[in-house]
Amino acid sequence: MPGQKAYRETELIEKKNRVTVNILGEEYTIRSDADPDHVKELAGLVDERMRSALAMNPRLSRGQAAILVCLSLADDLKKARRRYEELMRLVEDIR
């Protein structure tokens, strides 16, 4: 039925939580199905890392700092996934 898909997408968007967070003094409204406290915690982590990157090198633009923070977070994620896979292999070996 025409328009039905658009209605469903709108309905899903409306069910998401709206959370306002502050990163480097700028407000962002995030729509997510995640718990609002979780979103705020993530934003706090990003804010902390952005401030740290800018403090270490004040010549960085906000965009450059954001890229460095993204790379750092991607590195953390990759290491955590690798560790998870190692632990899962250990569990399988025990079975």
PDB file of N, CA and C in Angstrom:
ATOM      1  N   MET A   1       0.841  -1.167   0.000  1.00  0.00           N
ATOM      2  CA  MET A   1       0.000   0.000   0.000  1.00  0.00           C
ATOM      3  C   MET A   1       0.892   1.239   0.000  1.00  0.00           C
ATOM      4  N   PRO A   2       0.649   2.199  -0.885  1.00  0.00           N
ATOM      5  CA  PRO A   2       1.472   3.394  -0.957  1.00  0.00           C
ATOM      6  C   PRO A   2       1.455   4.159   0.370  1.00  0.00           C
ATOM      7  N   GLY A   3       2.629   4.624   0.749  1.00  0.00           N
ATOM      8  CA  GLY A   3       2.736   5.416   1.969  1.00  0.00           C
ATOM      9  C   GLY A   3       2.858   4.592   3.237  1.00  0.00           C
ATOM     10  N   GLN A   4       2.599   3.301   3.158  1.00  0.00           N
ATOM     11  CA  GLN A   4       2.635   2.459   4.349  1.00  0.00           C
ATOM     12  C   GLN A   4       4.056   2.344   4.904  1.00  0.00           C
ATOM     13  N   LYS A   5       5.044   2.214   4.005  1.00  0.00           N
ATOM     14  CA  LYS A   5       6.427   2.109   4.452  1.00  0.00           C
ATOM     15  C   LYS A   5       6.847   3.387   5.178  1.00  0.00           C
ATOM     16  N   ALA A   6       6.497   4.529   4.629  1.00  0.00           N
ATOM     17  CA  ALA A   6       6.844   5.805   5.260  1.00  0.00           C
ATOM     18  C   ALA A   6       6.208   5.907   6.639  1.00  0.00           C
ATOM     19  N   TYR A   7       4.982   5.423   6.783  1.00  0.00           N
ATOM     20  CA  TYR A   7       4.306   5.459   8.080  1.00  0.00           C
ATOM     21  C   TYR A   7       5.063   4.619   9.097  1.00  0.00           C
ATOM     22  N   ARG A   8       5.480   3.422   8.689  1.00  0.00           N
ATOM     23  CA  ARG A   8       6.212   2.542   9.604  1.00  0.00           C
ATOM     24  C   ARG A   8       7.534   3.174  10.032  1.00  0.00           C
ATOM     25  N   GLU A   9       8.256   3.779   9.083  1.00  0.00           N
ATOM     26  CA  GLU A   9       9.521   4.421   9.422  1.00  0.00           C
ATOM     27  C   GLU A   9       9.298   5.564  10.394  1.00  0.00           C
ATOM     28  N   THR A  10       8.262   6.357  10.176  1.00  0.00           N
ATOM     29  CA  THR A  10       7.946   7.463  11.073  1.00  0.00           C
ATOM     30  C   THR A  10       7.581   6.930  12.446  1.00  0.00           C
ATOM     31  N   GLU A  11       6.819   5.854  12.477  1.00  0.00           N
ATOM     32  CA  GLU A  11       6.416   5.253  13.746  1.00  0.00           C
ATOM     33  C   GLU A  11       7.643   4.771  14.528  1.00  0.00           C
ATOM     34  N   LEU A  12       8.619   4.158  13.833  1.00  0.00           N
ATOM     35  CA  LEU A  12       9.823   3.678  14.504  1.00  0.00           C
ATOM     36  C   LEU A  12      10.644   4.847  15.036  1.00  0.00           C
ATOM     37  N   ILE A  13      10.746   5.904  14.270  1.00  0.00           N
ATOM     38  CA  ILE A  13      11.507   7.072  14.703  1.00  0.00           C
ATOM     39  C   ILE A  13      10.874   7.681  15.946  1.00  0.00           C
ATOM     40  N   GLU A  14       9.550   7.757  15.965  1.00  0.00           N
ATOM     41  CA  GLU A  14       8.865   8.372  17.092  1.00  0.00           C
ATOM     42  C   GLU A  14       9.038   7.576  18.383  1.00  0.00           C
ATOM     43  N   LYS A  15       9.297   6.275  18.286  1.00  0.00           N
ATOM     44  CA  LYS A  15       9.455   5.447  19.479  1.00  0.00           C
ATOM     45  C   LYS A  15      10.854   5.570  20.085  1.00  0.00           C
ATOM     46  N   LYS A  16      11.765   6.210  19.381  1.00  0.00           N
ATOM     47  CA  LYS A  16      13.123   6.349  19.892  1.00  0.00           C
ATOM     48  C   LYS A  16      13.182   7.431  20.953  1.00  0.00           C
ATOM     49  N   ASN A  17      14.111   7.249  21.888  1.00  0.00           N
ATOM     50  CA  ASN A  17      14.333   8.248  22.924  1.00  0.00           C
ATOM     51  C   ASN A  17      15.069   9.434  22.332  1.00  0.00           C
ATOM     52  N   ARG A  18      14.759  10.615  22.832  1.00  0.00           N
ATOM     53  CA  ARG A  18      15.486  11.823  22.455  1.00  0.00           C
ATOM     54  C   ARG A  18      16.289  12.248  23.676  1.00  0.00           C
ATOM     55  N   VAL A  19      17.592  12.357  23.483  1.00  0.00           N
ATOM     56  CA  VAL A  19      18.482  12.711  24.576  1.00  0.00           C
ATOM     57  C   VAL A  19      19.344  13.887  24.127  1.00  0.00           C
ATOM     58  N   THR A  20      19.389  14.912  24.937  1.00  0.00           N
ATOM     59  CA  THR A  20      20.252  16.047  24.638  1.00  0.00           C
ATOM     60  C   THR A  20      21.542  15.890  25.421  1.00  0.00           C
ATOM     61  N   VAL A  21      22.658  15.951  24.703  1.00  0.00           N
ATOM     62  CA  VAL A  21      23.971  15.806  25.320  1.00  0.00           C
ATOM     63  C   VAL A  21      24.812  17.023  24.962  1.00  0.00           C
ATOM     64  N   ASN A  22      25.900  17.201  25.716  1.00  0.00           N
ATOM     65  CA  ASN A  22      26.783  18.336  25.496  1.00  0.00           C
ATOM     66  C   ASN A  22      28.192  17.810  25.265  1.00  0.00           C
ATOM     67  N   ILE A  23      28.761  18.177  24.129  1.00  0.00           N
ATOM     68  CA  ILE A  23      30.132  17.788  23.803  1.00  0.00           C
ATOM     69  C   ILE A  23      30.886  19.049  23.407  1.00  0.00           C
ATOM     70  N   LEU A  24      31.920  19.361  24.147  1.00  0.00           N
ATOM     71  CA  LEU A  24      32.723  20.571  23.921  1.00  0.00           C
ATOM     72  C   LEU A  24      31.863  21.830  23.881  1.00  0.00           C
ATOM     73  N   GLY A  25      30.882  21.883  24.762  1.00  0.00           N
ATOM     74  CA  GLY A  25      30.047  23.073  24.861  1.00  0.00           C
ATOM     75  C   GLY A  25      28.951  23.183  23.822  1.00  0.00           C
ATOM     76  N   GLU A  26      28.813  22.179  22.964  1.00  0.00           N
ATOM     77  CA  GLU A  26      27.753  22.190  21.953  1.00  0.00           C
ATOM     78  C   GLU A  26      26.719  21.126  22.291  1.00  0.00           C
ATOM     79  N   GLU A  27      25.451  21.503  22.148  1.00  0.00           N
ATOM     80  CA  GLU A  27      24.373  20.555  22.431  1.00  0.00           C
ATOM     81  C   GLU A  27      24.022  19.757  21.184  1.00  0.00           C
ATOM     82  N   TYR A  28      23.785  18.487  21.400  1.00  0.00           N
ATOM     83  CA  TYR A  28      23.361  17.577  20.334  1.00  0.00           C
ATOM     84  C   TYR A  28      22.153  16.812  20.838  1.00  0.00           C
ATOM     85  N   THR A  29      21.134  16.699  20.006  1.00  0.00           N
ATOM     86  CA  THR A  29      19.981  15.880  20.346  1.00  0.00           C
ATOM     87  C   THR A  29      20.146  14.559  19.612  1.00  0.00           C
ATOM     88  N   ILE A  30      20.202  13.506  20.379  1.00  0.00           N
ATOM     89  CA  ILE A  30      20.407  12.163  19.848  1.00  0.00           C
ATOM     90  C   ILE A  30      19.104  11.392  19.939  1.00  0.00           C
ATOM     91  N   ARG A  31      18.701  10.799  18.829  1.00  0.00           N
ATOM     92  CA  ARG A  31      17.528   9.908  18.844  1.00  0.00           C
ATOM     93  C   ARG A  31      18.034   8.481  18.765  1.00  0.00           C
ATOM     94  N   SER A  32      17.670   7.698  19.762  1.00  0.00           N
ATOM     95  CA  SER A  32      18.193   6.347  19.851  1.00  0.00           C
ATOM     96  C   SER A  32      17.227   5.473  20.637  1.00  0.00           C
ATOM     97  N   ASP A  33      17.263   4.180  20.381  1.00  0.00           N
ATOM     98  CA  ASP A  33      16.458   3.261  21.181  1.00  0.00           C
ATOM     99  C   ASP A  33      17.242   2.806  22.418  1.00  0.00           C
ATOM    100  N   ALA A  34      18.474   3.293  22.556  1.00  0.00           N
ATOM    101  CA  ALA A  34      19.287   2.967  23.731  1.00  0.00           C
ATOM    102  C   ALA A  34      18.774   3.731  24.945  1.00  0.00           C
ATOM    103  N   ASP A  35      19.112   3.222  26.115  1.00  0.00           N
ATOM    104  CA  ASP A  35      18.757   3.875  27.364  1.00  0.00           C
ATOM    105  C   ASP A  35      19.376   5.278  27.389  1.00  0.00           C
ATOM    106  N   PRO A  36      18.601   6.303  27.758  1.00  0.00           N
ATOM    107  CA  PRO A  36      19.130   7.675  27.779  1.00  0.00           C
ATOM    108  C   PRO A  36      20.394   7.830  28.629  1.00  0.00           C
ATOM    109  N   ASP A  37      20.476   7.134  29.754  1.00  0.00           N
ATOM    110  CA  ASP A  37      21.677   7.226  30.588  1.00  0.00           C
ATOM    111  C   ASP A  37      22.899   6.667  29.860  1.00  0.00           C
ATOM    112  N   HIS A  38      22.678   5.629  29.069  1.00  0.00           N
ATOM    113  CA  HIS A  38      23.769   5.041  28.285  1.00  0.00           C
ATOM    114  C   HIS A  38      24.264   6.050  27.244  1.00  0.00           C
ATOM    115  N   VAL A  39      23.352   6.714  26.568  1.00  0.00           N
ATOM    116  CA  VAL A  39      23.714   7.717  25.563  1.00  0.00           C
ATOM    117  C   VAL A  39      24.487   8.862  26.216  1.00  0.00           C
ATOM    118  N   LYS A  40      24.033   9.297  27.384  1.00  0.00           N
ATOM    119  CA  LYS A  40      24.730  10.368  28.104  1.00  0.00           C
ATOM    120  C   LYS A  40      26.133   9.927  28.519  1.00  0.00           C
ATOM    121  N   GLU A  41      26.265   8.684  28.937  1.00  0.00           N
ATOM    122  CA  GLU A  41      27.570   8.159  29.318  1.00  0.00           C
ATOM    123  C   GLU A  41      28.522   8.148  28.114  1.00  0.00           C
ATOM    124  N   LEU A  42      28.013   7.722  26.971  1.00  0.00           N
ATOM    125  CA  LEU A  42      28.832   7.708  25.754  1.00  0.00           C
ATOM    126  C   LEU A  42      29.258   9.122  25.370  1.00  0.00           C
ATOM    127  N   ALA A  43      28.316  10.053  25.444  1.00  0.00           N
ATOM    128  CA  ALA A  43      28.631  11.444  25.114  1.00  0.00           C
ATOM    129  C   ALA A  43      29.681  11.998  26.079  1.00  0.00           C
ATOM    130  N   GLY A  44      29.591  11.626  27.335  1.00  0.00           N
ATOM    131  CA  GLY A  44      30.580  12.055  28.310  1.00  0.00           C
ATOM    132  C   GLY A  44      31.971  11.525  27.975  1.00  0.00           C
ATOM    133  N   LEU A  45      32.030  10.284  27.513  1.00  0.00           N
ATOM    134  CA  LEU A  45      33.299   9.684  27.111  1.00  0.00           C
ATOM    135  C   LEU A  45      33.881  10.429  25.910  1.00  0.00           C
ATOM    136  N   VAL A  46      33.042  10.719  24.930  1.00  0.00           N
ATOM    137  CA  VAL A  46      33.499  11.452  23.749  1.00  0.00           C
ATOM    138  C   VAL A  46      33.976  12.848  24.149  1.00  0.00           C
ATOM    139  N   ASP A  47      33.206  13.520  24.991  1.00  0.00           N
ATOM    140  CA  ASP A  47      33.579  14.859  25.449  1.00  0.00           C
ATOM    141  C   ASP A  47      34.932  14.816  26.161  1.00  0.00           C
ATOM    142  N   GLU A  48      35.105  13.849  27.035  1.00  0.00           N
ATOM    143  CA  GLU A  48      36.357  13.715  27.784  1.00  0.00           C
ATOM    144  C   GLU A  48      37.537  13.490  26.844  1.00  0.00           C
ATOM    145  N   ARG A  49      37.363  12.607  25.876  1.00  0.00           N
ATOM    146  CA  ARG A  49      38.456  12.311  24.939  1.00  0.00           C
ATOM    147  C   ARG A  49      38.745  13.491  24.015  1.00  0.00           C
ATOM    148  N   MET A  50      37.702  14.199  23.616  1.00  0.00           N
ATOM    149  CA  MET A  50      37.896  15.384  22.771  1.00  0.00           C
ATOM    150  C   MET A  50      38.687  16.439  23.546  1.00  0.00           C
ATOM    151  N   ARG A  51      38.292  16.681  24.781  1.00  0.00           N
ATOM    152  CA  ARG A  51      38.982  17.672  25.607  1.00  0.00           C
ATOM    153  C   ARG A  51      40.440  17.265  25.829  1.00  0.00           C
ATOM    154  N   SER A  52      40.671  15.991  26.045  1.00  0.00           N
ATOM    155  CA  SER A  52      42.022  15.493  26.248  1.00  0.00           C
ATOM    156  C   SER A  52      42.868  15.694  24.989  1.00  0.00           C
ATOM    157  N   ALA A  53      42.316  15.355  23.838  1.00  0.00           N
ATOM    158  CA  ALA A  53      43.044  15.505  22.572  1.00  0.00           C
ATOM    159  C   ALA A  53      43.387  16.967  22.324  1.00  0.00           C
ATOM    160  N   LEU A  54      42.436  17.853  22.585  1.00  0.00           N
ATOM    161  CA  LEU A  54      42.675  19.282  22.372  1.00  0.00           C
ATOM    162  C   LEU A  54      43.657  19.850  23.386  1.00  0.00           C
ATOM    163  N   ALA A  55      43.649  19.311  24.596  1.00  0.00           N
ATOM    164  CA  ALA A  55      44.587  19.768  25.614  1.00  0.00           C
ATOM    165  C   ALA A  55      46.020  19.345  25.260  1.00  0.00           C
ATOM    166  N   MET A  56      46.153  18.150  24.706  1.00  0.00           N
ATOM    167  CA  MET A  56      47.481  17.659  24.333  1.00  0.00           C
ATOM    168  C   MET A  56      48.034  18.413  23.124  1.00  0.00           C
ATOM    169  N   ASN A  57      47.163  18.846  22.233  1.00  0.00           N
ATOM    170  CA  ASN A  57      47.602  19.575  21.049  1.00  0.00           C
ATOM    171  C   ASN A  57      46.592  20.673  20.722  1.00  0.00           C
ATOM    172  N   PRO A  58      46.757  21.855  21.308  1.00  0.00           N
ATOM    173  CA  PRO A  58      45.805  22.948  21.113  1.00  0.00           C
ATOM    174  C   PRO A  58      45.695  23.426  19.664  1.00  0.00           C
ATOM    175  N   ARG A  59      46.628  23.038  18.823  1.00  0.00           N
ATOM    176  CA  ARG A  59      46.580  23.446  17.417  1.00  0.00           C
ATOM    177  C   ARG A  59      45.584  22.627  16.589  1.00  0.00           C
ATOM    178  N   LEU A  60      45.125  21.551  17.152  1.00  0.00           N
ATOM    179  CA  LEU A  60      44.150  20.720  16.435  1.00  0.00           C
ATOM    180  C   LEU A  60      42.837  21.469  16.261  1.00  0.00           C
ATOM    181  N   SER A  61      42.224  21.294  15.119  1.00  0.00           N
ATOM    182  CA  SER A  61      40.858  21.784  14.954  1.00  0.00           C
ATOM    183  C   SER A  61      39.937  20.788  15.634  1.00  0.00           C
ATOM    184  N   ARG A  62      38.702  21.176  15.832  1.00  0.00           N
ATOM    185  CA  ARG A  62      37.736  20.235  16.427  1.00  0.00           C
ATOM    186  C   ARG A  62      37.568  19.008  15.533  1.00  0.00           C
ATOM    187  N   GLY A  63      37.570  19.231  14.235  1.00  0.00           N
ATOM    188  CA  GLY A  63      37.440  18.113  13.294  1.00  0.00           C
ATOM    189  C   GLY A  63      38.606  17.155  13.379  1.00  0.00           C
ATOM    190  N   GLN A  64      39.810  17.690  13.474  1.00  0.00           N
ATOM    191  CA  GLN A  64      40.991  16.836  13.607  1.00  0.00           C
ATOM    192  C   GLN A  64      40.953  16.065  14.924  1.00  0.00           C
ATOM    193  N   ALA A  65      40.557  16.742  15.987  1.00  0.00           N
ATOM    194  CA  ALA A  65      40.443  16.069  17.281  1.00  0.00           C
ATOM    195  C   ALA A  65      39.402  14.958  17.202  1.00  0.00           C
ATOM    196  N   ALA A  66      38.283  15.232  16.530  1.00  0.00           N
ATOM    197  CA  ALA A  66      37.225  14.221  16.405  1.00  0.00           C
ATOM    198  C   ALA A  66      37.728  12.989  15.652  1.00  0.00           C
ATOM    199  N   ILE A  67      38.519  13.209  14.592  1.00  0.00           N
ATOM    200  CA  ILE A  67      39.068  12.070  13.841  1.00  0.00           C
ATOM    201  C   ILE A  67      40.012  11.265  14.719  1.00  0.00           C
ATOM    202  N   LEU A  68      40.870  11.944  15.476  1.00  0.00           N
ATOM    203  CA  LEU A  68      41.782  11.230  16.374  1.00  0.00           C
ATOM    204  C   LEU A  68      41.021  10.443  17.434  1.00  0.00           C
ATOM    205  N   VAL A  69      39.960  11.041  17.971  1.00  0.00           N
ATOM    206  CA  VAL A  69      39.136  10.344  18.967  1.00  0.00           C
ATOM    207  C   VAL A  69      38.460   9.137  18.328  1.00  0.00           C
ATOM    208  N   CYS A  70      37.946   9.301  17.123  1.00  0.00           N
ATOM    209  CA  CYS A  70      37.323   8.159  16.422  1.00  0.00           C
ATOM    210  C   CYS A  70      38.323   7.032  16.217  1.00  0.00           C
ATOM    211  N   LEU A  71      39.543   7.371  15.799  1.00  0.00           N
ATOM    212  CA  LEU A  71      40.568   6.351  15.610  1.00  0.00           C
ATOM    213  C   LEU A  71      40.905   5.651  16.926  1.00  0.00           C
ATOM    214  N   SER A  72      40.987   6.412  17.997  1.00  0.00           N
ATOM    215  CA  SER A  72      41.274   5.838  19.310  1.00  0.00           C
ATOM    216  C   SER A  72      40.151   4.902  19.753  1.00  0.00           C
ATOM    217  N   LEU A  73      38.906   5.326  19.566  1.00  0.00           N
ATOM    218  CA  LEU A  73      37.772   4.482  19.943  1.00  0.00           C
ATOM    219  C   LEU A  73      37.695   3.233  19.058  1.00  0.00           C
ATOM    220  N   ALA A  74      38.005   3.384  17.767  1.00  0.00           N
ATOM    221  CA  ALA A  74      38.017   2.227  16.865  1.00  0.00           C
ATOM    222  C   ALA A  74      39.095   1.234  17.295  1.00  0.00           C
ATOM    223  N   ASP A  75      40.239   1.754  17.722  1.00  0.00           N
ATOM    224  CA  ASP A  75      41.317   0.901  18.212  1.00  0.00           C
ATOM    225  C   ASP A  75      40.874   0.146  19.465  1.00  0.00           C
ATOM    226  N   ASP A  76      40.230   0.860  20.379  1.00  0.00           N
ATOM    227  CA  ASP A  76      39.711   0.217  21.595  1.00  0.00           C
ATOM    228  C   ASP A  76      38.724  -0.895  21.239  1.00  0.00           C
ATOM    229  N   LEU A  77      37.842  -0.620  20.302  1.00  0.00           N
ATOM    230  CA  LEU A  77      36.840  -1.607  19.888  1.00  0.00           C
ATOM    231  C   LEU A  77      37.501  -2.827  19.264  1.00  0.00           C
ATOM    232  N   LYS A  78      38.458  -2.593  18.381  1.00  0.00           N
ATOM    233  CA  LYS A  78      39.141  -3.708  17.717  1.00  0.00           C
ATOM    234  C   LYS A  78      39.870  -4.584  18.743  1.00  0.00           C
ATOM    235  N   LYS A  79      40.543  -3.961  19.708  1.00  0.00           N
ATOM    236  CA  LYS A  79      41.235  -4.722  20.752  1.00  0.00           C
ATOM    237  C   LYS A  79      40.250  -5.511  21.607  1.00  0.00           C
ATOM    238  N   ALA A  80      39.113  -4.893  21.938  1.00  0.00           N
ATOM    239  CA  ALA A  80      38.098  -5.579  22.749  1.00  0.00           C
ATOM    240  C   ALA A  80      37.518  -6.771  21.985  1.00  0.00           C
ATOM    241  N   ARG A  81      37.275  -6.595  20.689  1.00  0.00           N
ATOM    242  CA  ARG A  81      36.753  -7.707  19.877  1.00  0.00           C
ATOM    243  C   ARG A  81      37.764  -8.842  19.793  1.00  0.00           C
ATOM    244  N   ARG A  82      39.030  -8.479  19.616  1.00  0.00           N
ATOM    245  CA  ARG A  82      40.077  -9.496  19.540  1.00  0.00           C
ATOM    246  C   ARG A  82      40.140 -10.269  20.856  1.00  0.00           C
ATOM    247  N   ARG A  83      40.071  -9.552  21.978  1.00  0.00           N
ATOM    248  CA  ARG A  83      40.111 -10.191  23.297  1.00  0.00           C
ATOM    249  C   ARG A  83      38.886 -11.090  23.499  1.00  0.00           C
ATOM    250  N   TYR A  84      37.727 -10.607  23.063  1.00  0.00           N
ATOM    251  CA  TYR A  84      36.493 -11.390  23.163  1.00  0.00           C
ATOM    252  C   TYR A  84      36.648 -12.701  22.375  1.00  0.00           C
ATOM    253  N   GLU A  85      37.175 -12.595  21.164  1.00  0.00           N
ATOM    254  CA  GLU A  85      37.356 -13.802  20.345  1.00  0.00           C
ATOM    255  C   GLU A  85      38.326 -14.774  21.006  1.00  0.00           C
ATOM    256  N   GLU A  86      39.394 -14.253  21.605  1.00  0.00           N
ATOM    257  CA  GLU A  86      40.341 -15.106  22.325  1.00  0.00           C
ATOM    258  C   GLU A  86      39.662 -15.818  23.488  1.00  0.00           C
ATOM    259  N   LEU A  87      38.858 -15.070  24.241  1.00  0.00           N
ATOM    260  CA  LEU A  87      38.149 -15.667  25.371  1.00  0.00           C
ATOM    261  C   LEU A  87      37.143 -16.718  24.911  1.00  0.00           C
ATOM    262  N   MET A  88      36.462 -16.450  23.811  1.00  0.00           N
ATOM    263  CA  MET A  88      35.496 -17.429  23.292  1.00  0.00           C
ATOM    264  C   MET A  88      36.208 -18.695  22.831  1.00  0.00           C
ATOM    265  N   ARG A  89      37.396 -18.563  22.244  1.00  0.00           N
ATOM    266  CA  ARG A  89      38.169 -19.749  21.851  1.00  0.00           C
ATOM    267  C   ARG A  89      38.578 -20.555  23.085  1.00  0.00           C
ATOM    268  N   LEU A  90      38.960 -19.861  24.153  1.00  0.00           N
ATOM    269  CA  LEU A  90      39.308 -20.549  25.399  1.00  0.00           C
ATOM    270  C   LEU A  90      38.114 -21.306  25.955  1.00  0.00           C
ATOM    271  N   VAL A  91      36.957 -20.683  25.925  1.00  0.00           N
ATOM    272  CA  VAL A  91      35.735 -21.337  26.403  1.00  0.00           C
ATOM    273  C   VAL A  91      35.440 -22.571  25.575  1.00  0.00           C
ATOM    274  N   GLU A  92      35.589 -22.462  24.255  1.00  0.00           N
ATOM    275  CA  GLU A  92      35.338 -23.620  23.383  1.00  0.00           C
ATOM    276  C   GLU A  92      36.345 -24.724  23.657  1.00  0.00           C
ATOM    277  N   ASP A  93      37.588 -24.358  23.914  1.00  0.00           N
ATOM    278  CA  ASP A  93      38.619 -25.357  24.206  1.00  0.00           C
ATOM    279  C   ASP A  93      38.322 -26.101  25.493  1.00  0.00           C
ATOM    280  N   ILE A  94      37.742 -25.420  26.461  1.00  0.00           N
ATOM    281  CA  ILE A  94      37.404 -26.041  27.745  1.00  0.00           C
ATOM    282  C   ILE A  94      36.267 -27.043  27.585  1.00  0.00           C
ATOM    283  N   ARG A  95      35.334 -26.730  26.704  1.00  0.00           N
ATOM    284  CA  ARG A  95      34.189 -27.626  26.493  1.00  0.00           C
ATOM    285  C   ARG A  95      34.655 -28.869  25.873  1.00  0.00           C
TER     286      ARG A  95
END
